[in-house]
Amino acid sequence: MNKVEQSHQFVRALSVGHPREFLSVEKDAQEVEEGCRRLIKNAVTCWNYVYLSKRLLQTPDPTHQQLFLEAIRHGSPVSWRHLNLLGEYDFSDQRLEDSVGILPATWLHEKGARLARLIH
């Protein structure tokens, strides 16, 4: 499947019920629906980039780093199968603790130069 088809599948996965139909009649409400889908899609893509960047920087072996980079180049960050798109969400303080080990944005800023060298 190419990247455009994968992107369309992601949009369909985000839509509950009839993905090609708007639930609202009013144009303003339709624009809000579309904006929400776009926001979720961009947030997931950004999360995937951050996660992949962290994994790349944690790979100690240069050969494995290059293999990992090749896999990223031939893949797509538009992936959602690792996320729960339907169901209940718990935003309590206990559940909001970082269970994956993603560090604050300052960490990525500090490691940005190393990441740029690996990519180029």
Protein backbone atom coordinates (compact mmCIF):
# COMPACT_ATOMS: atom_id res chain seq x y z
CA MET A 1 0.00 0.00 0.00
CA ASN A 2 1.42 3.42 -0.87
CA LYS A 3 1.58 6.35 1.55
CA VAL A 4 -1.46 8.13 0.11
CA GLU A 5 -3.63 5.02 0.45
CA GLN A 6 -2.35 4.53 3.99
CA SER A 7 -3.24 8.12 4.84
CA HIS A 8 -6.78 7.61 3.52
CA GLN A 9 -7.13 4.42 5.55
CA PHE A 10 -6.05 6.33 8.64
CA VAL A 11 -8.75 8.95 8.08
CA ARG A 12 -11.33 6.17 7.70
CA ALA A 13 -10.07 4.56 10.92
CA LEU A 14 -10.56 7.86 12.75
CA SER A 15 -14.16 8.11 11.60
CA VAL A 16 -16.81 6.16 13.44
CA GLY A 17 -19.79 4.96 11.46
CA HIS A 18 -19.85 6.31 7.93
CA PRO A 19 -16.38 7.75 7.31
CA ARG A 20 -17.21 9.55 4.07
CA GLU A 21 -20.21 11.32 5.50
CA PHE A 22 -20.28 14.37 7.73
CA LEU A 23 -22.38 14.02 10.85
CA SER A 24 -23.26 17.71 10.82
CA VAL A 25 -25.38 19.60 8.35
CA GLU A 26 -23.92 23.05 8.97
CA LYS A 27 -20.76 23.97 7.06
CA ASP A 28 -19.07 25.39 10.18
CA ALA A 29 -19.64 22.14 12.09
CA GLN A 30 -18.31 20.12 9.14
CA GLU A 31 -15.16 22.23 9.15
CA VAL A 32 -14.75 21.56 12.88
CA GLU A 33 -15.12 17.80 12.25
CA GLU A 34 -12.52 17.91 9.50
CA GLY A 35 -10.19 20.01 11.63
CA CYS A 36 -10.48 17.52 14.50
CA ARG A 37 -9.61 14.62 12.20
CA ARG A 38 -6.63 16.54 10.86
CA LEU A 39 -5.47 17.42 14.39
CA ILE A 40 -5.66 13.80 15.56
CA LYS A 41 -3.85 12.58 12.46
CA ASN A 42 -1.08 15.15 12.90
CA ALA A 43 -0.74 14.38 16.63
CA VAL A 44 -0.37 10.66 15.94
CA THR A 45 2.17 11.30 13.18
CA CYS A 46 4.15 13.63 15.45
CA TRP A 47 4.07 11.05 18.27
CA ASN A 48 5.38 8.40 15.89
CA TYR A 49 8.25 10.67 14.77
CA VAL A 50 9.22 11.42 18.38
CA TYR A 51 9.07 7.74 19.31
CA LEU A 52 11.10 6.66 16.27
CA SER A 53 13.68 9.41 16.91
CA LYS A 54 14.09 8.24 20.50
CA ARG A 55 14.49 4.63 19.43
CA LEU A 56 17.04 5.61 16.78
CA LEU A 57 19.14 7.58 19.26
CA GLN A 58 19.02 4.68 21.74
CA THR A 59 20.36 2.21 19.17
CA PRO A 60 24.07 1.88 20.03
CA ASP A 61 25.28 -0.08 17.02
CA PRO A 62 25.87 2.09 13.88
CA THR A 63 24.93 -0.84 11.61
CA HIS A 64 21.61 -1.26 13.36
CA GLN A 65 21.09 2.52 13.24
CA GLN A 66 21.47 2.46 9.44
CA LEU A 67 19.10 -0.50 9.13
CA PHE A 68 16.61 1.30 11.34
CA LEU A 69 16.91 4.46 9.22
CA GLU A 70 16.32 2.48 6.03
CA ALA A 71 13.21 0.93 7.55
CA ILE A 72 11.95 4.41 8.48
CA ARG A 73 12.69 5.80 5.01
CA HIS A 74 10.76 3.01 3.32
CA GLY A 75 7.93 3.05 5.80
CA SER A 76 5.53 5.73 6.89
CA PRO A 77 4.99 7.57 10.17
CA VAL A 78 1.27 7.45 9.44
CA SER A 79 0.63 4.37 11.52
CA TRP A 80 -2.13 3.94 14.06
CA ARG A 81 -2.58 0.25 14.75
CA HIS A 82 -0.69 0.63 18.04
CA LEU A 83 -3.32 3.11 19.29
CA ASN A 84 -6.74 2.59 20.80
CA LEU A 85 -8.97 4.69 18.55
CA LEU A 86 -12.21 3.36 20.01
CA GLY A 87 -13.06 2.77 23.61
CA GLU A 88 -12.74 4.48 26.94
CA TYR A 89 -9.94 6.86 27.82
CA ASP A 90 -8.76 7.41 31.39
CA PHE A 91 -7.10 10.80 31.96
CA SER A 92 -6.72 10.45 35.73
CA ASP A 93 -3.39 11.52 37.25
CA GLN A 94 -2.41 7.91 37.85
CA ARG A 95 -2.98 6.91 34.22
CA LEU A 96 -1.29 10.02 32.83
CA GLU A 97 2.09 8.92 34.16
CA ASP A 98 4.54 8.26 31.34
CA SER A 99 4.53 4.51 30.76
CA VAL A 100 6.59 4.58 27.57
CA GLY A 101 9.56 6.66 28.70
CA ILE A 102 9.13 9.59 26.33
CA LEU A 103 11.23 12.42 27.69
CA PRO A 104 10.33 16.13 27.61
CA ALA A 105 10.88 18.15 24.45
CA THR A 106 14.13 19.53 25.90
CA TRP A 107 15.60 16.05 25.53
CA LEU A 108 14.92 16.02 21.79
CA HIS A 109 16.30 19.55 21.45
CA GLU A 110 19.52 18.48 23.19
CA LYS A 111 19.87 15.41 20.98
CA GLY A 112 18.82 17.17 17.77
CA ALA A 113 22.35 17.62 16.43
CA ARG A 114 23.13 13.92 16.82
CA LEU A 115 19.84 12.98 15.21
CA ALA A 116 20.52 15.30 12.26
CA ARG A 117 23.93 13.67 11.71
CA LEU A 118 22.37 10.20 11.72
CA ILE A 119 19.71 11.17 9.20
CA HIS A 120 22.06 12.87 6.73
